Amino acid sequence: MAEKRRLNLSFSLASPQQREAWHILRAIPAGQRTDAVCRMVCKAQEQDVLLSAIRRLIRDELRDIQMKTEPESQAGDVDDSVLGFLRALQEGDDMI
């Protein structure tokens, strides 16, 4: 004799997520719903485990990288060539 377990669910159609789940489950032909739900649950679990592993890996890799940052230029900092160009414009110098 096969051992079985029963699980009853109630969906609140006022909840968007539960309403969506109800529409998905209702579209599955009768007799195939148990297998479909089992596949969905197992796949969701596998994806969660994979996502956690990827996040952990990225965190570990980023921890080992030393971030190099360029010093931020101040609003008053202007390149000498720009200043020379502006001076030449002000003085009316033809040798720009």
PDB file of N, CA and C in Angstrom:
ATOM      1  N   MET A   1       0.849  -1.175   0.000  1.00  0.00           N
ATOM      2  CA  MET A   1       0.000   0.000   0.000  1.00  0.00           C
ATOM      3  C   MET A   1       0.893   1.236   0.000  1.00  0.00           C
ATOM      4  N   ALA A   2       0.647   2.150  -0.933  1.00  0.00           N
ATOM      5  CA  ALA A   2       1.440   3.381  -1.047  1.00  0.00           C
ATOM      6  C   ALA A   2       1.056   4.354   0.049  1.00  0.00           C
ATOM      7  N   GLU A   3       2.065   4.981   0.590  1.00  0.00           N
ATOM      8  CA  GLU A   3       1.825   5.967   1.635  1.00  0.00           C
ATOM      9  C   GLU A   3       1.535   7.317   0.981  1.00  0.00           C
ATOM     10  N   LYS A   4       0.468   7.973   1.389  1.00  0.00           N
ATOM     11  CA  LYS A   4       0.076   9.260   0.810  1.00  0.00           C
ATOM     12  C   LYS A   4      -0.096  10.288   1.908  1.00  0.00           C
ATOM     13  N   ARG A   5       0.133  11.515   1.535  1.00  0.00           N
ATOM     14  CA  ARG A   5      -0.116  12.647   2.430  1.00  0.00           C
ATOM     15  C   ARG A   5      -1.009  13.624   1.683  1.00  0.00           C
ATOM     16  N   ARG A   6      -1.887  14.264   2.387  1.00  0.00           N
ATOM     17  CA  ARG A   6      -2.816  15.201   1.774  1.00  0.00           C
ATOM     18  C   ARG A   6      -2.526  16.601   2.316  1.00  0.00           C
ATOM     19  N   LEU A   7      -2.635  17.571   1.409  1.00  0.00           N
ATOM     20  CA  LEU A   7      -2.439  18.973   1.778  1.00  0.00           C
ATOM     21  C   LEU A   7      -3.562  19.771   1.127  1.00  0.00           C
ATOM     22  N   ASN A   8      -4.330  20.467   1.926  1.00  0.00           N
ATOM     23  CA  ASN A   8      -5.414  21.302   1.400  1.00  0.00           C
ATOM     24  C   ASN A   8      -4.979  22.756   1.452  1.00  0.00           C
ATOM     25  N   LEU A   9      -5.242  23.463   0.388  1.00  0.00           N
ATOM     26  CA  LEU A   9      -4.879  24.870   0.304  1.00  0.00           C
ATOM     27  C   LEU A   9      -6.121  25.705   0.053  1.00  0.00           C
ATOM     28  N   SER A  10      -6.108  26.902   0.591  1.00  0.00           N
ATOM     29  CA  SER A  10      -7.158  27.879   0.308  1.00  0.00           C
ATOM     30  C   SER A  10      -6.482  29.104  -0.272  1.00  0.00           C
ATOM     31  N   PHE A  11      -7.046  29.645  -1.328  1.00  0.00           N
ATOM     32  CA  PHE A  11      -6.469  30.821  -1.969  1.00  0.00           C
ATOM     33  C   PHE A  11      -7.390  32.010  -1.769  1.00  0.00           C
ATOM     34  N   SER A  12      -6.815  33.113  -1.346  1.00  0.00           N
ATOM     35  CA  SER A  12      -7.567  34.356  -1.226  1.00  0.00           C
ATOM     36  C   SER A  12      -7.413  35.109  -2.544  1.00  0.00           C
ATOM     37  N   LEU A  13      -8.498  35.241  -3.271  1.00  0.00           N
ATOM     38  CA  LEU A  13      -8.434  35.924  -4.551  1.00  0.00           C
ATOM     39  C   LEU A  13      -8.266  37.429  -4.386  1.00  0.00           C
ATOM     40  N   ALA A  14      -8.297  37.908  -3.159  1.00  0.00           N
ATOM     41  CA  ALA A  14      -8.013  39.325  -2.897  1.00  0.00           C
ATOM     42  C   ALA A  14      -6.505  39.595  -2.929  1.00  0.00           C
ATOM     43  N   SER A  15      -5.725  38.549  -2.745  1.00  0.00           N
ATOM     44  CA  SER A  15      -4.267  38.669  -2.794  1.00  0.00           C
ATOM     45  C   SER A  15      -3.801  38.444  -4.231  1.00  0.00           C
ATOM     46  N   PRO A  16      -3.101  39.423  -4.830  1.00  0.00           N
ATOM     47  CA  PRO A  16      -2.659  39.272  -6.229  1.00  0.00           C
ATOM     48  C   PRO A  16      -1.810  38.028  -6.466  1.00  0.00           C
ATOM     49  N   GLN A  17      -0.902  37.725  -5.559  1.00  0.00           N
ATOM     50  CA  GLN A  17      -0.035  36.558  -5.740  1.00  0.00           C
ATOM     51  C   GLN A  17      -0.833  35.260  -5.646  1.00  0.00           C
ATOM     52  N   GLN A  18      -1.723  35.171  -4.686  1.00  0.00           N
ATOM     53  CA  GLN A  18      -2.539  33.970  -4.542  1.00  0.00           C
ATOM     54  C   GLN A  18      -3.517  33.824  -5.703  1.00  0.00           C
ATOM     55  N   ARG A  19      -4.042  34.941  -6.193  1.00  0.00           N
ATOM     56  CA  ARG A  19      -4.940  34.905  -7.345  1.00  0.00           C
ATOM     57  C   ARG A  19      -4.189  34.385  -8.585  1.00  0.00           C
ATOM     58  N   GLU A  20      -2.954  34.870  -8.777  1.00  0.00           N
ATOM     59  CA  GLU A  20      -2.142  34.404  -9.902  1.00  0.00           C
ATOM     60  C   GLU A  20      -1.857  32.908  -9.781  1.00  0.00           C
ATOM     61  N   ALA A  21      -1.501  32.465  -8.571  1.00  0.00           N
ATOM     62  CA  ALA A  21      -1.230  31.037  -8.355  1.00  0.00           C
ATOM     63  C   ALA A  21      -2.481  30.210  -8.641  1.00  0.00           C
ATOM     64  N   TRP A  22      -3.636  30.702  -8.218  1.00  0.00           N
ATOM     65  CA  TRP A  22      -4.889  29.988  -8.463  1.00  0.00           C
ATOM     66  C   TRP A  22      -5.144  29.843  -9.965  1.00  0.00           C
ATOM     67  N   HIS A  23      -4.915  30.907 -10.731  1.00  0.00           N
ATOM     68  CA  HIS A  23      -5.137  30.846 -12.180  1.00  0.00           C
ATOM     69  C   HIS A  23      -4.166  29.856 -12.845  1.00  0.00           C
ATOM     70  N   ILE A  24      -2.938  29.837 -12.375  1.00  0.00           N
ATOM     71  CA  ILE A  24      -1.947  28.898 -12.919  1.00  0.00           C
ATOM     72  C   ILE A  24      -2.367  27.458 -12.620  1.00  0.00           C
ATOM     73  N   LEU A  25      -2.728  27.194 -11.364  1.00  0.00           N
ATOM     74  CA  LEU A  25      -3.106  25.827 -10.968  1.00  0.00           C
ATOM     75  C   LEU A  25      -4.397  25.377 -11.646  1.00  0.00           C
ATOM     76  N   ARG A  26      -5.328  26.281 -11.797  1.00  0.00           N
ATOM     77  CA  ARG A  26      -6.609  25.938 -12.415  1.00  0.00           C
ATOM     78  C   ARG A  26      -6.429  25.552 -13.887  1.00  0.00           C
ATOM     79  N   ALA A  27      -5.386  26.134 -14.534  1.00  0.00           N
ATOM     80  CA  ALA A  27      -5.143  25.846 -15.950  1.00  0.00           C
ATOM     81  C   ALA A  27      -4.506  24.470 -16.166  1.00  0.00           C
ATOM     82  N   ILE A  28      -3.975  23.868 -15.108  1.00  0.00           N
ATOM     83  CA  ILE A  28      -3.363  22.535 -15.212  1.00  0.00           C
ATOM     84  C   ILE A  28      -4.484  21.502 -15.231  1.00  0.00           C
ATOM     85  N   PRO A  29      -4.450  20.587 -16.187  1.00  0.00           N
ATOM     86  CA  PRO A  29      -5.523  19.576 -16.262  1.00  0.00           C
ATOM     87  C   PRO A  29      -5.622  18.746 -14.972  1.00  0.00           C
ATOM     88  N   ALA A  30      -6.842  18.422 -14.610  1.00  0.00           N
ATOM     89  CA  ALA A  30      -7.071  17.568 -13.434  1.00  0.00           C
ATOM     90  C   ALA A  30      -6.331  16.257 -13.636  1.00  0.00           C
ATOM     91  N   GLY A  31      -5.752  15.752 -12.580  1.00  0.00           N
ATOM     92  CA  GLY A  31      -4.978  14.522 -12.655  1.00  0.00           C
ATOM     93  C   GLY A  31      -3.493  14.786 -12.859  1.00  0.00           C
ATOM     94  N   GLN A  32      -3.149  15.994 -13.258  1.00  0.00           N
ATOM     95  CA  GLN A  32      -1.739  16.355 -13.461  1.00  0.00           C
ATOM     96  C   GLN A  32      -1.275  17.418 -12.465  1.00  0.00           C
ATOM     97  N   ARG A  33      -2.184  17.889 -11.644  1.00  0.00           N
ATOM     98  CA  ARG A  33      -1.869  19.009 -10.751  1.00  0.00           C
ATOM     99  C   ARG A  33      -0.860  18.634  -9.674  1.00  0.00           C
ATOM    100  N   THR A  34      -0.980  17.453  -9.097  1.00  0.00           N
ATOM    101  CA  THR A  34      -0.055  17.057  -8.029  1.00  0.00           C
ATOM    102  C   THR A  34       1.376  17.029  -8.547  1.00  0.00           C
ATOM    103  N   ASP A  35       1.576  16.399  -9.704  1.00  0.00           N
ATOM    104  CA  ASP A  35       2.927  16.356 -10.277  1.00  0.00           C
ATOM    105  C   ASP A  35       3.425  17.752 -10.636  1.00  0.00           C
ATOM    106  N   ALA A  36       2.538  18.576 -11.185  1.00  0.00           N
ATOM    107  CA  ALA A  36       2.928  19.936 -11.562  1.00  0.00           C
ATOM    108  C   ALA A  36       3.333  20.755 -10.332  1.00  0.00           C
ATOM    109  N   VAL A  37       2.555  20.655  -9.258  1.00  0.00           N
ATOM    110  CA  VAL A  37       2.873  21.391  -8.034  1.00  0.00           C
ATOM    111  C   VAL A  37       4.195  20.896  -7.450  1.00  0.00           C
ATOM    112  N   CYS A  38       4.415  19.588  -7.467  1.00  0.00           N
ATOM    113  CA  CYS A  38       5.677  19.041  -6.950  1.00  0.00           C
ATOM    114  C   CYS A  38       6.862  19.557  -7.757  1.00  0.00           C
ATOM    115  N   ARG A  39       6.725  19.584  -9.092  1.00  0.00           N
ATOM    116  CA  ARG A  39       7.808  20.118  -9.940  1.00  0.00           C
ATOM    117  C   ARG A  39       8.066  21.591  -9.624  1.00  0.00           C
ATOM    118  N   MET A  40       6.986  22.356  -9.466  1.00  0.00           N
ATOM    119  CA  MET A  40       7.126  23.792  -9.180  1.00  0.00           C
ATOM    120  C   MET A  40       7.833  24.035  -7.850  1.00  0.00           C
ATOM    121  N   VAL A  41       7.423  23.301  -6.843  1.00  0.00           N
ATOM    122  CA  VAL A  41       8.023  23.475  -5.514  1.00  0.00           C
ATOM    123  C   VAL A  41       9.501  23.086  -5.538  1.00  0.00           C
ATOM    124  N   CYS A  42       9.807  21.950  -6.151  1.00  0.00           N
ATOM    125  CA  CYS A  42      11.207  21.493  -6.216  1.00  0.00           C
ATOM    126  C   CYS A  42      12.067  22.452  -7.031  1.00  0.00           C
ATOM    127  N   LYS A  43      11.532  22.938  -8.151  1.00  0.00           N
ATOM    128  CA  LYS A  43      12.286  23.870  -8.984  1.00  0.00           C
ATOM    129  C   LYS A  43      12.522  25.184  -8.249  1.00  0.00           C
ATOM    130  N   ALA A  44      11.516  25.682  -7.540  1.00  0.00           N
ATOM    131  CA  ALA A  44      11.677  26.916  -6.771  1.00  0.00           C
ATOM    132  C   ALA A  44      12.758  26.746  -5.700  1.00  0.00           C
ATOM    133  N   GLN A  45      12.766  25.592  -5.054  1.00  0.00           N
ATOM    134  CA  GLN A  45      13.785  25.311  -4.031  1.00  0.00           C
ATOM    135  C   GLN A  45      15.171  25.264  -4.651  1.00  0.00           C
ATOM    136  N   GLU A  46      15.312  24.599  -5.802  1.00  0.00           N
ATOM    137  CA  GLU A  46      16.603  24.529  -6.495  1.00  0.00           C
ATOM    138  C   GLU A  46      17.082  25.920  -6.888  1.00  0.00           C
ATOM    139  N   GLN A  47      16.169  26.750  -7.369  1.00  0.00           N
ATOM    140  CA  GLN A  47      16.535  28.110  -7.772  1.00  0.00           C
ATOM    141  C   GLN A  47      16.978  28.937  -6.570  1.00  0.00           C
ATOM    142  N   ASP A  48      16.298  28.769  -5.445  1.00  0.00           N
ATOM    143  CA  ASP A  48      16.687  29.490  -4.230  1.00  0.00           C
ATOM    144  C   ASP A  48      18.082  29.089  -3.771  1.00  0.00           C
ATOM    145  N   VAL A  49      18.364  27.785  -3.811  1.00  0.00           N
ATOM    146  CA  VAL A  49      19.684  27.292  -3.412  1.00  0.00           C
ATOM    147  C   VAL A  49      20.751  27.829  -4.361  1.00  0.00           C
ATOM    148  N   LEU A  50      20.473  27.786  -5.668  1.00  0.00           N
ATOM    149  CA  LEU A  50      21.421  28.288  -6.665  1.00  0.00           C
ATOM    150  C   LEU A  50      21.649  29.791  -6.497  1.00  0.00           C
ATOM    151  N   LEU A  51      20.577  30.549  -6.298  1.00  0.00           N
ATOM    152  CA  LEU A  51      20.700  31.992  -6.110  1.00  0.00           C
ATOM    153  C   LEU A  51      21.519  32.319  -4.865  1.00  0.00           C
ATOM    154  N   SER A  52      21.305  31.592  -3.799  1.00  0.00           N
ATOM    155  CA  SER A  52      22.081  31.803  -2.570  1.00  0.00           C
ATOM    156  C   SER A  52      23.560  31.509  -2.804  1.00  0.00           C
ATOM    157  N   ALA A  53      23.849  30.443  -3.541  1.00  0.00           N
ATOM    158  CA  ALA A  53      25.239  30.087  -3.831  1.00  0.00           C
ATOM    159  C   ALA A  53      25.901  31.155  -4.695  1.00  0.00           C
ATOM    160  N   ILE A  54      25.181  31.671  -5.684  1.00  0.00           N
ATOM    161  CA  ILE A  54      25.730  32.717  -6.547  1.00  0.00           C
ATOM    162  C   ILE A  54      25.994  33.985  -5.744  1.00  0.00           C
ATOM    163  N   ARG A  55      25.051  34.373  -4.911  1.00  0.00           N
ATOM    164  CA  ARG A  55      25.237  35.572  -4.066  1.00  0.00           C
ATOM    165  C   ARG A  55      26.450  35.406  -3.151  1.00  0.00           C
ATOM    166  N   ARG A  56      26.582  34.228  -2.543  1.00  0.00           N
ATOM    167  CA  ARG A  56      27.710  33.967  -1.642  1.00  0.00           C
ATOM    168  C   ARG A  56      29.027  34.049  -2.414  1.00  0.00           C
ATOM    169  N   LEU A  57      29.064  33.475  -3.602  1.00  0.00           N
ATOM    170  CA  LEU A  57      30.259  33.504  -4.440  1.00  0.00           C
ATOM    171  C   LEU A  57      30.631  34.938  -4.824  1.00  0.00           C
ATOM    172  N   ILE A  58      29.647  35.714  -5.232  1.00  0.00           N
ATOM    173  CA  ILE A  58      29.914  37.110  -5.608  1.00  0.00           C
ATOM    174  C   ILE A  58      30.419  37.894  -4.413  1.00  0.00           C
ATOM    175  N   ARG A  59      29.786  37.701  -3.255  1.00  0.00           N
ATOM    176  CA  ARG A  59      30.247  38.394  -2.039  1.00  0.00           C
ATOM    177  C   ARG A  59      31.696  38.035  -1.718  1.00  0.00           C
ATOM    178  N   ASP A  60      32.019  36.737  -1.810  1.00  0.00           N
ATOM    179  CA  ASP A  60      33.382  36.287  -1.527  1.00  0.00           C
ATOM    180  C   ASP A  60      34.379  36.901  -2.502  1.00  0.00           C
ATOM    181  N   GLU A  61      34.032  36.936  -3.782  1.00  0.00           N
ATOM    182  CA  GLU A  61      34.933  37.506  -4.789  1.00  0.00           C
ATOM    183  C   GLU A  61      35.094  39.013  -4.593  1.00  0.00           C
ATOM    184  N   LEU A  62      34.010  39.701  -4.296  1.00  0.00           N
ATOM    185  CA  LEU A  62      34.097  41.152  -4.099  1.00  0.00           C
ATOM    186  C   LEU A  62      34.889  41.502  -2.842  1.00  0.00           C
ATOM    187  N   ARG A  63      34.830  40.637  -1.857  1.00  0.00           N
ATOM    188  CA  ARG A  63      35.564  40.878  -0.623  1.00  0.00           C
ATOM    189  C   ARG A  63      37.074  40.875  -0.901  1.00  0.00           C
ATOM    190  N   ASP A  64      37.515  40.073  -1.866  1.00  0.00           N
ATOM    191  CA  ASP A  64      38.931  39.950  -2.183  1.00  0.00           C
ATOM    192  C   ASP A  64      39.434  41.057  -3.112  1.00  0.00           C
ATOM    193  N   ILE A  65      38.533  41.799  -3.716  1.00  0.00           N
ATOM    194  CA  ILE A  65      38.938  42.854  -4.645  1.00  0.00           C
ATOM    195  C   ILE A  65      39.119  44.156  -3.875  1.00  0.00           C
ATOM    196  N   GLN A  66      40.254  44.779  -4.088  1.00  0.00           N
ATOM    197  CA  GLN A  66      40.464  46.092  -3.492  1.00  0.00           C
ATOM    198  C   GLN A  66      39.984  47.122  -4.493  1.00  0.00           C
ATOM    199  N   MET A  67      39.014  47.865  -4.090  1.00  0.00           N
ATOM    200  CA  MET A  67      38.458  48.863  -4.990  1.00  0.00           C
ATOM    201  C   MET A  67      39.426  50.031  -5.131  1.00  0.00           C
ATOM    202  N   LYS A  68      39.710  50.394  -6.372  1.00  0.00           N
ATOM    203  CA  LYS A  68      40.549  51.547  -6.652  1.00  0.00           C
ATOM    204  C   LYS A  68      39.633  52.673  -7.079  1.00  0.00           C
ATOM    205  N   THR A  69      39.742  53.776  -6.383  1.00  0.00           N
ATOM    206  CA  THR A  69      38.896  54.906  -6.728  1.00  0.00           C
ATOM    207  C   THR A  69      39.773  56.084  -7.117  1.00  0.00           C
ATOM    208  N   GLU A  70      39.306  56.810  -8.110  1.00  0.00           N
ATOM    209  CA  GLU A  70      39.982  58.022  -8.535  1.00  0.00           C
ATOM    210  C   GLU A  70      39.590  59.128  -7.562  1.00  0.00           C
ATOM    211  N   PRO A  71      40.562  59.979  -7.202  1.00  0.00           N
ATOM    212  CA  PRO A  71      40.171  61.100  -6.349  1.00  0.00           C
ATOM    213  C   PRO A  71      39.199  61.988  -7.104  1.00  0.00           C
ATOM    214  N   GLU A  72      38.159  62.366  -6.417  1.00  0.00           N
ATOM    215  CA  GLU A  72      37.151  63.199  -7.058  1.00  0.00           C
ATOM    216  C   GLU A  72      37.698  64.605  -7.256  1.00  0.00           C
ATOM    217  N   SER A  73      37.473  65.132  -8.445  1.00  0.00           N
ATOM    218  CA  SER A  73      37.935  66.494  -8.686  1.00  0.00           C
ATOM    219  C   SER A  73      36.955  67.464  -8.050  1.00  0.00           C
ATOM    220  N   GLN A  74      37.493  68.494  -7.513  1.00  0.00           N
ATOM    221  CA  GLN A  74      36.680  69.520  -6.881  1.00  0.00           C
ATOM    222  C   GLN A  74      36.115  70.424  -7.962  1.00  0.00           C
ATOM    223  N   ALA A  75      35.026  71.067  -7.653  1.00  0.00           N
ATOM    224  CA  ALA A  75      34.400  71.946  -8.629  1.00  0.00           C
ATOM    225  C   ALA A  75      35.357  73.056  -9.044  1.00  0.00           C
ATOM    226  N   GLY A  76      36.252  73.499  -8.153  1.00  0.00           N
ATOM    227  CA  GLY A  76      37.196  74.564  -8.454  1.00  0.00           C
ATOM    228  C   GLY A  76      38.424  74.097  -9.213  1.00  0.00           C
ATOM    229  N   ASP A  77      38.676  72.788  -9.282  1.00  0.00           N
ATOM    230  CA  ASP A  77      39.843  72.261  -9.979  1.00  0.00           C
ATOM    231  C   ASP A  77      39.622  72.340 -11.483  1.00  0.00           C
ATOM    232  N   VAL A  78      40.554  73.030 -12.167  1.00  0.00           N
ATOM    233  CA  VAL A  78      40.459  73.154 -13.613  1.00  0.00           C
ATOM    234  C   VAL A  78      41.826  72.845 -14.191  1.00  0.00           C
ATOM    235  N   ASP A  79      41.844  72.095 -15.254  1.00  0.00           N
ATOM    236  CA  ASP A  79      43.081  71.730 -15.941  1.00  0.00           C
ATOM    237  C   ASP A  79      43.804  72.999 -16.408  1.00  0.00           C
ATOM    238  N   ASP A  80      45.162  73.010 -16.341  1.00  0.00           N
ATOM    239  CA  ASP A  80      45.947  74.171 -16.752  1.00  0.00           C
ATOM    240  C   ASP A  80      45.722  74.537 -18.205  1.00  0.00           C
ATOM    241  N   SER A  81      45.541  73.535 -19.071  1.00  0.00           N
ATOM    242  CA  SER A  81      45.324  73.847 -20.480  1.00  0.00           C
ATOM    243  C   SER A  81      44.002  74.577 -20.686  1.00  0.00           C
ATOM    244  N   VAL A  82      43.001  74.234 -19.900  1.00  0.00           N
ATOM    245  CA  VAL A  82      41.715  74.918 -19.993  1.00  0.00           C
ATOM    246  C   VAL A  82      41.873  76.354 -19.521  1.00  0.00           C
ATOM    247  N   LEU A  83      42.601  76.531 -18.429  1.00  0.00           N
ATOM    248  CA  LEU A  83      42.830  77.894 -17.928  1.00  0.00           C
ATOM    249  C   LEU A  83      43.590  78.727 -18.944  1.00  0.00           C
ATOM    250  N   GLY A  84      44.600  78.145 -19.574  1.00  0.00           N
ATOM    251  CA  GLY A  84      45.365  78.868 -20.590  1.00  0.00           C
ATOM    252  C   GLY A  84      44.483  79.268 -21.752  1.00  0.00           C
ATOM    253  N   PHE A  85      43.612  78.376 -22.176  1.00  0.00           N
ATOM    254  CA  PHE A  85      42.699  78.677 -23.271  1.00  0.00           C
ATOM    255  C   PHE A  85      41.767  79.822 -22.900  1.00  0.00           C
ATOM    256  N   LEU A  86      41.235  79.782 -21.682  1.00  0.00           N
ATOM    257  CA  LEU A  86      40.333  80.843 -21.243  1.00  0.00           C
ATOM    258  C   LEU A  86      41.053  82.180 -21.128  1.00  0.00           C
ATOM    259  N   ARG A  87      42.296  82.170 -20.618  1.00  0.00           N
ATOM    260  CA  ARG A  87      43.081  83.419 -20.525  1.00  0.00           C
ATOM    261  C   ARG A  87      43.317  84.000 -21.910  1.00  0.00           C
ATOM    262  N   ALA A  88      43.645  83.110 -22.851  1.00  0.00           N
ATOM    263  CA  ALA A  88      43.903  83.577 -24.211  1.00  0.00           C
ATOM    264  C   ALA A  88      42.649  84.202 -24.812  1.00  0.00           C
ATOM    265  N   LEU A  89      41.488  83.637 -24.518  1.00  0.00           N
ATOM    266  CA  LEU A  89      40.237  84.220 -25.020  1.00  0.00           C
ATOM    267  C   LEU A  89      39.988  85.594 -24.412  1.00  0.00           C
ATOM    268  N   GLN A  90      40.239  85.730 -23.114  1.00  0.00           N
ATOM    269  CA  GLN A  90      40.008  86.995 -22.438  1.00  0.00           C
ATOM    270  C   GLN A  90      40.966  88.095 -22.936  1.00  0.00           C
ATOM    271  N   GLU A  91      42.194  87.698 -23.196  1.00  0.00           N
ATOM    272  CA  GLU A  91      43.190  88.674 -23.600  1.00  0.00           C
ATOM    273  C   GLU A  91      43.113  88.954 -25.100  1.00  0.00           C
ATOM    274  N   GLY A  92      42.324  88.201 -25.822  1.00  0.00           N
ATOM    275  CA  GLY A  92      42.219  88.407 -27.254  1.00  0.00           C
ATOM    276  C   GLY A  92      43.446  87.931 -27.989  1.00  0.00           C
ATOM    277  N   ASP A  93      44.157  86.988 -27.409  1.00  0.00           N
ATOM    278  CA  ASP A  93      45.375  86.457 -28.023  1.00  0.00           C
ATOM    279  C   ASP A  93      45.016  85.630 -29.242  1.00  0.00           C
ATOM    280  N   ASP A  94      45.676  85.907 -30.350  1.00  0.00           N
ATOM    281  CA  ASP A  94      45.412  85.165 -31.579  1.00  0.00           C
ATOM    282  C   ASP A  94      46.145  83.847 -31.617  1.00  0.00           C
ATOM    283  N   MET A  95      46.946  83.553 -30.634  1.00  0.00           N
ATOM    284  CA  MET A  95      47.775  82.342 -30.659  1.00  0.00           C
ATOM    285  C   MET A  95      47.142  81.262 -29.785  1.00  0.00           C
ATOM    286  N   ILE A  96      45.927  80.961 -30.054  1.00  0.00           N
ATOM    287  CA  ILE A  96      45.218  79.927 -29.281  1.00  0.00           C
ATOM    288  C   ILE A  96      45.566  78.580 -29.814  1.00  0.00           C
TER     289      ILE A  96
END
